[in-house]
Amino acid sequence: MDERDFYSESQTTKPATLVCPHCRTENEYELQWSVRKKKDRLPPGKADERDRAKFAKAQSYMVLMDNQAMCKNLRCRRRFDISGLKTMAFI
């Protein structure tokens, strides 16, 4: 079985406070996250003992989809890498 069979996947946005490294302006940015929630039971079909053990250890988590943001300061408007923020979070 594939790991994707254990989760239901959705997209969401969450606010984060970031500082532009070019102009040093601090702003609130909406970042895209992929949310993977563990299903309540193992999907029916061809699950063996190894798949059941993987499913028992699986947890719900979020993965950051954005890796860059554009500065909101009208004079700057440069793209910068998102750093100082975890790219994966367990729910």
PDB file of N, CA and C in Angstrom:
ATOM      1  N   MET A   1       0.828  -1.183   0.000  1.00  0.00           N
ATOM      2  CA  MET A   1       0.000   0.000   0.000  1.00  0.00           C
ATOM      3  C   MET A   1       0.873   1.247   0.000  1.00  0.00           C
ATOM      4  N   ASP A   2       0.366   2.272  -0.619  1.00  0.00           N
ATOM      5  CA  ASP A   2       1.066   3.547  -0.685  1.00  0.00           C
ATOM      6  C   ASP A   2       0.718   4.383   0.546  1.00  0.00           C
ATOM      7  N   GLU A   3       1.655   5.209   0.982  1.00  0.00           N
ATOM      8  CA  GLU A   3       1.439   6.050   2.165  1.00  0.00           C
ATOM      9  C   GLU A   3       0.283   7.027   1.956  1.00  0.00           C
ATOM     10  N   ARG A   4       0.048   7.454   0.722  1.00  0.00           N
ATOM     11  CA  ARG A   4      -1.043   8.397   0.439  1.00  0.00           C
ATOM     12  C   ARG A   4      -2.418   7.802   0.733  1.00  0.00           C
ATOM     13  N   ASP A   5      -2.524   6.473   0.778  1.00  0.00           N
ATOM     14  CA  ASP A   5      -3.800   5.827   1.097  1.00  0.00           C
ATOM     15  C   ASP A   5      -4.181   6.001   2.563  1.00  0.00           C
ATOM     16  N   PHE A   6      -3.226   6.351   3.423  1.00  0.00           N
ATOM     17  CA  PHE A   6      -3.480   6.503   4.853  1.00  0.00           C
ATOM     18  C   PHE A   6      -4.031   7.889   5.205  1.00  0.00           C
ATOM     19  N   TYR A   7      -3.912   8.863   4.298  1.00  0.00           N
ATOM     20  CA  TYR A   7      -4.233  10.256   4.598  1.00  0.00           C
ATOM     21  C   TYR A   7      -5.285  10.815   3.650  1.00  0.00           C
ATOM     22  N   SER A   8      -6.049  11.794   4.155  1.00  0.00           N
ATOM     23  CA  SER A   8      -6.885  12.624   3.292  1.00  0.00           C
ATOM     24  C   SER A   8      -6.182  13.979   3.224  1.00  0.00           C
ATOM     25  N   GLU A   9      -6.006  14.499   2.023  1.00  0.00           N
ATOM     26  CA  GLU A   9      -5.187  15.689   1.816  1.00  0.00           C
ATOM     27  C   GLU A   9      -6.057  16.888   1.438  1.00  0.00           C
ATOM     28  N   SER A  10      -5.707  18.060   1.977  1.00  0.00           N
ATOM     29  CA  SER A  10      -6.388  19.310   1.647  1.00  0.00           C
ATOM     30  C   SER A  10      -5.378  20.452   1.676  1.00  0.00           C
ATOM     31  N   GLN A  11      -5.777  21.594   1.160  1.00  0.00           N
ATOM     32  CA  GLN A  11      -4.935  22.789   1.143  1.00  0.00           C
ATOM     33  C   GLN A  11      -5.533  23.833   2.089  1.00  0.00           C
ATOM     34  N   THR A  12      -4.663  24.599   2.740  1.00  0.00           N
ATOM     35  CA  THR A  12      -5.113  25.676   3.609  1.00  0.00           C
ATOM     36  C   THR A  12      -4.076  26.796   3.611  1.00  0.00           C
ATOM     37  N   THR A  13      -4.470  27.970   4.079  1.00  0.00           N
ATOM     38  CA  THR A  13      -3.541  29.089   4.233  1.00  0.00           C
ATOM     39  C   THR A  13      -3.503  29.485   5.700  1.00  0.00           C
ATOM     40  N   LYS A  14      -2.323  29.829   6.161  1.00  0.00           N
ATOM     41  CA  LYS A  14      -2.120  30.257   7.545  1.00  0.00           C
ATOM     42  C   LYS A  14      -1.276  31.527   7.531  1.00  0.00           C
ATOM     43  N   PRO A  15      -1.580  32.483   8.407  1.00  0.00           N
ATOM     44  CA  PRO A  15      -0.774  33.708   8.466  1.00  0.00           C
ATOM     45  C   PRO A  15       0.547  33.476   9.197  1.00  0.00           C
ATOM     46  N   ALA A  16       1.575  34.191   8.744  1.00  0.00           N
ATOM     47  CA  ALA A  16       2.884  34.146   9.396  1.00  0.00           C
ATOM     48  C   ALA A  16       3.514  35.524   9.305  1.00  0.00           C
ATOM     49  N   THR A  17       4.186  35.932  10.357  1.00  0.00           N
ATOM     50  CA  THR A  17       4.883  37.214  10.370  1.00  0.00           C
ATOM     51  C   THR A  17       6.307  36.989   9.893  1.00  0.00           C
ATOM     52  N   LEU A  18       6.658  37.642   8.776  1.00  0.00           N
ATOM     53  CA  LEU A  18       7.993  37.504   8.197  1.00  0.00           C
ATOM     54  C   LEU A  18       8.625  38.873   8.031  1.00  0.00           C
ATOM     55  N   VAL A  19       9.957  38.904   8.014  1.00  0.00           N
ATOM     56  CA  VAL A  19      10.708  40.142   7.833  1.00  0.00           C
ATOM     57  C   VAL A  19      11.456  40.052   6.507  1.00  0.00           C
ATOM     58  N   CYS A  20      11.282  41.046   5.654  1.00  0.00           N
ATOM     59  CA  CYS A  20      11.995  41.098   4.378  1.00  0.00           C
ATOM     60  C   CYS A  20      13.479  41.374   4.659  1.00  0.00           C
ATOM     61  N   PRO A  21      14.384  40.549   4.139  1.00  0.00           N
ATOM     62  CA  PRO A  21      15.810  40.768   4.401  1.00  0.00           C
ATOM     63  C   PRO A  21      16.388  41.961   3.646  1.00  0.00           C
ATOM     64  N   HIS A  22      15.674  42.450   2.628  1.00  0.00           N
ATOM     65  CA  HIS A  22      16.178  43.561   1.831  1.00  0.00           C
ATOM     66  C   HIS A  22      15.849  44.922   2.464  1.00  0.00           C
ATOM     67  N   CYS A  23      14.581  45.129   2.809  1.00  0.00           N
ATOM     68  CA  CYS A  23      14.179  46.432   3.355  1.00  0.00           C
ATOM     69  C   CYS A  23      13.888  46.386   4.854  1.00  0.00           C
ATOM     70  N   ARG A  24      13.968  45.191   5.467  1.00  0.00           N
ATOM     71  CA  ARG A  24      13.759  44.992   6.905  1.00  0.00           C
ATOM     72  C   ARG A  24      12.344  45.352   7.364  1.00  0.00           C
ATOM     73  N   THR A  25      11.365  45.238   6.475  1.00  0.00           N
ATOM     74  CA  THR A  25       9.980  45.514   6.819  1.00  0.00           C
ATOM     75  C   THR A  25       9.309  44.233   7.309  1.00  0.00           C
ATOM     76  N   GLU A  26       8.606  44.328   8.424  1.00  0.00           N
ATOM     77  CA  GLU A  26       7.903  43.175   8.980  1.00  0.00           C
ATOM     78  C   GLU A  26       6.439  43.244   8.563  1.00  0.00           C
ATOM     79  N   ASN A  27       5.925  42.140   7.991  1.00  0.00           N
ATOM     80  CA  ASN A  27       4.535  42.079   7.547  1.00  0.00           C
ATOM     81  C   ASN A  27       3.957  40.704   7.795  1.00  0.00           C
ATOM     82  N   GLU A  28       2.647  40.640   7.685  1.00  0.00           N
ATOM     83  CA  GLU A  28       1.892  39.396   7.824  1.00  0.00           C
ATOM     84  C   GLU A  28       1.671  38.815   6.429  1.00  0.00           C
ATOM     85  N   TYR A  29       2.062  37.561   6.214  1.00  0.00           N
ATOM     86  CA  TYR A  29       1.936  36.903   4.910  1.00  0.00           C
ATOM     87  C   TYR A  29       1.071  35.654   5.051  1.00  0.00           C
ATOM     88  N   GLU A  30       0.237  35.393   4.054  1.00  0.00           N
ATOM     89  CA  GLU A  30      -0.578  34.174   4.011  1.00  0.00           C
ATOM     90  C   GLU A  30       0.225  33.096   3.281  1.00  0.00           C
ATOM     91  N   LEU A  31       0.566  32.024   3.974  1.00  0.00           N
ATOM     92  CA  LEU A  31       1.366  30.947   3.407  1.00  0.00           C
ATOM     93  C   LEU A  31       0.496  29.728   3.125  1.00  0.00           C
ATOM     94  N   GLN A  32       0.780  29.044   2.023  1.00  0.00           N
ATOM     95  CA  GLN A  32       0.036  27.856   1.618  1.00  0.00           C
ATOM     96  C   GLN A  32       0.596  26.622   2.321  1.00  0.00           C
ATOM     97  N   TRP A  33      -0.269  25.836   2.914  1.00  0.00           N
ATOM     98  CA  TRP A  33       0.092  24.596   3.584  1.00  0.00           C
ATOM     99  C   TRP A  33      -0.725  23.455   3.005  1.00  0.00           C
ATOM    100  N   SER A  34      -0.116  22.289   2.903  1.00  0.00           N
ATOM    101  CA  SER A  34      -0.809  21.068   2.529  1.00  0.00           C
ATOM    102  C   SER A  34      -1.048  20.289   3.820  1.00  0.00           C
ATOM    103  N   VAL A  35      -2.323  20.018   4.126  1.00  0.00           N
ATOM    104  CA  VAL A  35      -2.691  19.345   5.371  1.00  0.00           C
ATOM    105  C   VAL A  35      -3.008  17.887   5.055  1.00  0.00           C
ATOM    106  N   ARG A  36      -2.327  16.971   5.729  1.00  0.00           N
ATOM    107  CA  ARG A  36      -2.566  15.542   5.552  1.00  0.00           C
ATOM    108  C   ARG A  36      -3.082  14.980   6.877  1.00  0.00           C
ATOM    109  N   LYS A  37      -4.386  14.670   6.888  1.00  0.00           N
ATOM    110  CA  LYS A  37      -5.012  14.130   8.101  1.00  0.00           C
ATOM    111  C   LYS A  37      -5.127  12.623   7.980  1.00  0.00           C
ATOM    112  N   LYS A  38      -4.758  11.948   9.043  1.00  0.00           N
ATOM    113  CA  LYS A  38      -4.823  10.493   9.081  1.00  0.00           C
ATOM    114  C   LYS A  38      -6.282  10.050   9.043  1.00  0.00           C
ATOM    115  N   LYS A  39      -6.576   9.058   8.207  1.00  0.00           N
ATOM    116  CA  LYS A  39      -7.928   8.517   8.140  1.00  0.00           C
ATOM    117  C   LYS A  39      -8.233   7.775   9.426  1.00  0.00           C
ATOM    118  N   ASP A  40      -9.519   7.648   9.751  1.00  0.00           N
ATOM    119  CA  ASP A  40      -9.883   7.021  11.020  1.00  0.00           C
ATOM    120  C   ASP A  40      -9.676   5.511  11.027  1.00  0.00           C
ATOM    121  N   ARG A  41      -9.685   4.885   9.852  1.00  0.00           N
ATOM    122  CA  ARG A  41      -9.396   3.444   9.803  1.00  0.00           C
ATOM    123  C   ARG A  41      -8.626   3.105   8.542  1.00  0.00           C
ATOM    124  N   LEU A  42      -7.993   1.987   8.573  1.00  0.00           N
ATOM    125  CA  LEU A  42      -7.191   1.502   7.459  1.00  0.00           C
ATOM    126  C   LEU A  42      -8.093   1.231   6.255  1.00  0.00           C
ATOM    127  N   PRO A  43      -7.715   1.693   5.059  1.00  0.00           N
ATOM    128  CA  PRO A  43      -8.543   1.442   3.880  1.00  0.00           C
ATOM    129  C   PRO A  43      -8.669  -0.058   3.603  1.00  0.00           C
ATOM    130  N   PRO A  44      -9.858  -0.513   3.208  1.00  0.00           N
ATOM    131  CA  PRO A  44     -10.025  -1.946   2.940  1.00  0.00           C
ATOM    132  C   PRO A  44      -9.229  -2.359   1.711  1.00  0.00           C
ATOM    133  N   GLY A  45      -8.825  -3.594   1.698  1.00  0.00           N
ATOM    134  CA  GLY A  45      -8.083  -4.077   0.536  1.00  0.00           C
ATOM    135  C   GLY A  45      -6.906  -4.922   0.934  1.00  0.00           C
ATOM    136  N   LYS A  46      -5.808  -4.655   0.297  1.00  0.00           N
ATOM    137  CA  LYS A  46      -4.625  -5.509   0.396  1.00  0.00           C
ATOM    138  C   LYS A  46      -3.623  -5.052   1.444  1.00  0.00           C
ATOM    139  N   ALA A  47      -4.073  -4.828   2.657  1.00  0.00           N
ATOM    140  CA  ALA A  47      -3.172  -4.407   3.736  1.00  0.00           C
ATOM    141  C   ALA A  47      -2.612  -5.629   4.453  1.00  0.00           C
ATOM    142  N   ASP A  48      -1.295  -5.683   4.574  1.00  0.00           N
ATOM    143  CA  ASP A  48      -0.676  -6.776   5.318  1.00  0.00           C
ATOM    144  C   ASP A  48      -0.205  -6.255   6.679  1.00  0.00           C
ATOM    145  N   GLU A  49       0.524  -7.065   7.418  1.00  0.00           N
ATOM    146  CA  GLU A  49       0.972  -6.689   8.762  1.00  0.00           C
ATOM    147  C   GLU A  49       1.885  -5.463   8.745  1.00  0.00           C
ATOM    148  N   ARG A  50       2.744  -5.365   7.750  1.00  0.00           N
ATOM    149  CA  ARG A  50       3.652  -4.217   7.658  1.00  0.00           C
ATOM    150  C   ARG A  50       2.869  -2.926   7.423  1.00  0.00           C
ATOM    151  N   ASP A  51       1.829  -2.979   6.589  1.00  0.00           N
ATOM    152  CA  ASP A  51       0.990  -1.803   6.347  1.00  0.00           C
ATOM    153  C   ASP A  51       0.209  -1.413   7.600  1.00  0.00           C
ATOM    154  N   ARG A  52      -0.264  -2.388   8.348  1.00  0.00           N
ATOM    155  CA  ARG A  52      -0.985  -2.090   9.598  1.00  0.00           C
ATOM    156  C   ARG A  52      -0.063  -1.424  10.616  1.00  0.00           C
ATOM    157  N   ALA A  53       1.188  -1.865  10.680  1.00  0.00           N
ATOM    158  CA  ALA A  53       2.156  -1.257  11.596  1.00  0.00           C
ATOM    159  C   ALA A  53       2.461   0.187  11.178  1.00  0.00           C
ATOM    160  N   LYS A  54       2.608   0.428   9.874  1.00  0.00           N
ATOM    161  CA  LYS A  54       2.836   1.798   9.382  1.00  0.00           C
ATOM    162  C   LYS A  54       1.652   2.692   9.703  1.00  0.00           C
ATOM    163  N   PHE A  55       0.435   2.168   9.518  1.00  0.00           N
ATOM    164  CA  PHE A  55      -0.768   2.952   9.774  1.00  0.00           C
ATOM    165  C   PHE A  55      -0.895   3.298  11.253  1.00  0.00           C
ATOM    166  N   ALA A  56      -0.517   2.384  12.124  1.00  0.00           N
ATOM    167  CA  ALA A  56      -0.591   2.635  13.567  1.00  0.00           C
ATOM    168  C   ALA A  56       0.361   3.756  13.984  1.00  0.00           C
ATOM    169  N   LYS A  57       1.508   3.879  13.322  1.00  0.00           N
ATOM    170  CA  LYS A  57       2.491   4.909  13.659  1.00  0.00           C
ATOM    171  C   LYS A  57       2.221   6.246  12.962  1.00  0.00           C
ATOM    172  N   ALA A  58       1.381   6.257  11.947  1.00  0.00           N
ATOM    173  CA  ALA A  58       1.129   7.468  11.161  1.00  0.00           C
ATOM    174  C   ALA A  58       0.459   8.545  12.015  1.00  0.00           C
ATOM    175  N   GLN A  59       0.810   9.825  11.732  1.00  0.00           N
ATOM    176  CA  GLN A  59       0.236  10.977  12.423  1.00  0.00           C
ATOM    177  C   GLN A  59      -0.212  11.998  11.396  1.00  0.00           C
ATOM    178  N   SER A  60      -1.151  12.854  11.774  1.00  0.00           N
ATOM    179  CA  SER A  60      -1.570  13.955  10.909  1.00  0.00           C
ATOM    180  C   SER A  60      -0.487  15.032  10.929  1.00  0.00           C
ATOM    181  N   TYR A  61      -0.261  15.673   9.758  1.00  0.00           N
ATOM    182  CA  TYR A  61       0.770  16.700   9.688  1.00  0.00           C
ATOM    183  C   TYR A  61       0.485  17.696   8.574  1.00  0.00           C
ATOM    184  N   MET A  62       1.217  18.814   8.606  1.00  0.00           N
ATOM    185  CA  MET A  62       1.109  19.861   7.590  1.00  0.00           C
ATOM    186  C   MET A  62       2.478  20.076   6.968  1.00  0.00           C
ATOM    187  N   VAL A  63       2.503  20.356   5.644  1.00  0.00           N
ATOM    188  CA  VAL A  63       3.745  20.611   4.922  1.00  0.00           C
ATOM    189  C   VAL A  63       3.626  21.984   4.272  1.00  0.00           C
ATOM    190  N   LEU A  64       4.637  22.828   4.445  1.00  0.00           N
ATOM    191  CA  LEU A  64       4.656  24.161   3.850  1.00  0.00           C
ATOM    192  C   LEU A  64       4.895  24.053   2.353  1.00  0.00           C
ATOM    193  N   MET A  65       4.015  24.651   1.545  1.00  0.00           N
ATOM    194  CA  MET A  65       4.127  24.579   0.091  1.00  0.00           C
ATOM    195  C   MET A  65       4.924  25.764  -0.476  1.00  0.00           C
ATOM    196  N   ASP A  66       4.810  26.929   0.140  1.00  0.00           N
ATOM    197  CA  ASP A  66       5.525  28.118  -0.337  1.00  0.00           C
ATOM    198  C   ASP A  66       6.970  28.088   0.137  1.00  0.00           C
ATOM    199  N   ASN A  67       7.889  28.483  -0.747  1.00  0.00           N
ATOM    200  CA  ASN A  67       9.280  28.602  -0.326  1.00  0.00           C
ATOM    201  C   ASN A  67       9.783  30.029  -0.496  1.00  0.00           C
ATOM    202  N   GLN A  68       8.979  30.884  -1.137  1.00  0.00           N
ATOM    203  CA  GLN A  68       9.335  32.293  -1.291  1.00  0.00           C
ATOM    204  C   GLN A  68       8.104  33.161  -1.074  1.00  0.00           C
ATOM    205  N   ALA A  69       8.348  34.414  -0.698  1.00  0.00           N
ATOM    206  CA  ALA A  69       7.279  35.393  -0.526  1.00  0.00           C
ATOM    207  C   ALA A  69       7.722  36.697  -1.179  1.00  0.00           C
ATOM    208  N   MET A  70       6.738  37.507  -1.580  1.00  0.00           N
ATOM    209  CA  MET A  70       7.057  38.806  -2.172  1.00  0.00           C
ATOM    210  C   MET A  70       6.793  39.886  -1.130  1.00  0.00           C
ATOM    211  N   CYS A  71       7.759  40.769  -0.951  1.00  0.00           N
ATOM    212  CA  CYS A  71       7.661  41.830   0.044  1.00  0.00           C
ATOM    213  C   CYS A  71       6.433  42.693  -0.240  1.00  0.00           C
ATOM    214  N   LYS A  72       5.717  43.063   0.824  1.00  0.00           N
ATOM    215  CA  LYS A  72       4.509  43.880   0.676  1.00  0.00           C
ATOM    216  C   LYS A  72       4.810  45.378   0.663  1.00  0.00           C
ATOM    217  N   ASN A  73       6.044  45.745   0.968  1.00  0.00           N
ATOM    218  CA  ASN A  73       6.445  47.148   0.920  1.00  0.00           C
ATOM    219  C   ASN A  73       6.455  47.589  -0.548  1.00  0.00           C
ATOM    220  N   LEU A  74       5.710  48.640  -0.889  1.00  0.00           N
ATOM    221  CA  LEU A  74       5.583  49.077  -2.283  1.00  0.00           C
ATOM    222  C   LEU A  74       6.903  49.540  -2.883  1.00  0.00           C
ATOM    223  N   ARG A  75       7.817  50.011  -2.069  1.00  0.00           N
ATOM    224  CA  ARG A  75       9.115  50.444  -2.594  1.00  0.00           C
ATOM    225  C   ARG A  75      10.077  49.294  -2.834  1.00  0.00           C
ATOM    226  N   CYS A  76       9.857  48.179  -2.171  1.00  0.00           N
ATOM    227  CA  CYS A  76      10.779  47.040  -2.280  1.00  0.00           C
ATOM    228  C   CYS A  76      10.253  46.007  -3.283  1.00  0.00           C
ATOM    229  N   ARG A  77       9.167  45.326  -2.947  1.00  0.00           N
ATOM    230  CA  ARG A  77       8.500  44.319  -3.788  1.00  0.00           C
ATOM    231  C   ARG A  77       9.413  43.193  -4.278  1.00  0.00           C
ATOM    232  N   ARG A  78      10.493  42.913  -3.560  1.00  0.00           N
ATOM    233  CA  ARG A  78      11.407  41.833  -3.949  1.00  0.00           C
ATOM    234  C   ARG A  78      10.938  40.506  -3.380  1.00  0.00           C
ATOM    235  N   ARG A  79      11.321  39.442  -4.073  1.00  0.00           N
ATOM    236  CA  ARG A  79      11.054  38.093  -3.576  1.00  0.00           C
ATOM    237  C   ARG A  79      12.168  37.706  -2.604  1.00  0.00           C
ATOM    238  N   PHE A  80      11.791  36.999  -1.549  1.00  0.00           N
ATOM    239  CA  PHE A  80      12.786  36.509  -0.594  1.00  0.00           C
ATOM    240  C   PHE A  80      12.395  35.116  -0.133  1.00  0.00           C
ATOM    241  N   ASP A  81      13.407  34.338   0.239  1.00  0.00           N
ATOM    242  CA  ASP A  81      13.181  32.978   0.727  1.00  0.00           C
ATOM    243  C   ASP A  81      12.590  33.023   2.122  1.00  0.00           C
ATOM    244  N   ILE A  82      11.673  32.106   2.379  1.00  0.00           N
ATOM    245  CA  ILE A  82      11.074  31.995   3.706  1.00  0.00           C
ATOM    246  C   ILE A  82      12.037  31.180   4.571  1.00  0.00           C
ATOM    247  N   SER A  83      12.563  31.798   5.605  1.00  0.00           N
ATOM    248  CA  SER A  83      13.468  31.103   6.513  1.00  0.00           C
ATOM    249  C   SER A  83      13.036  31.404   7.943  1.00  0.00           C
ATOM    250  N   GLY A  84      13.488  30.581   8.833  1.00  0.00           N
ATOM    251  CA  GLY A  84      13.106  30.757  10.240  1.00  0.00           C
ATOM    252  C   GLY A  84      11.735  30.209  10.537  1.00  0.00           C
ATOM    253  N   LEU A  85      11.177  29.434   9.623  1.00  0.00           N
ATOM    254  CA  LEU A  85       9.842  28.865   9.787  1.00  0.00           C
ATOM    255  C   LEU A  85       9.934  27.369   9.497  1.00  0.00           C
ATOM    256  N   LYS A  86       9.382  26.554  10.336  1.00  0.00           N
ATOM    257  CA  LYS A  86       9.423  25.115  10.101  1.00  0.00           C
ATOM    258  C   LYS A  86       8.612  24.769   8.859  1.00  0.00           C
ATOM    259  N   THR A  87       9.119  23.831   8.071  1.00  0.00           N
ATOM    260  CA  THR A  87       8.444  23.450   6.832  1.00  0.00           C
ATOM    261  C   THR A  87       7.476  22.303   7.034  1.00  0.00           C
ATOM    262  N   MET A  88       7.509  21.678   8.205  1.00  0.00           N
ATOM    263  CA  MET A  88       6.589  20.588   8.510  1.00  0.00           C
ATOM    264  C   MET A  88       6.152  20.705   9.963  1.00  0.00           C
ATOM    265  N   ALA A  89       4.856  20.499  10.207  1.00  0.00           N
ATOM    266  CA  ALA A  89       4.333  20.598  11.576  1.00  0.00           C
ATOM    267  C   ALA A  89       3.340  19.474  11.817  1.00  0.00           C
ATOM    268  N   PHE A  90       3.475  18.785  12.941  1.00  0.00           N
ATOM    269  CA  PHE A  90       2.520  17.748  13.302  1.00  0.00           C
ATOM    270  C   PHE A  90       1.306  18.396  13.938  1.00  0.00           C
ATOM    271  N   ILE A  91       0.143  17.855  13.645  1.00  0.00           N
ATOM    272  CA  ILE A  91      -1.121  18.418  14.170  1.00  0.00           C
ATOM    273  C   ILE A  91      -1.473  17.704  15.459  1.00  0.00           C
TER     274      ILE A  91
END
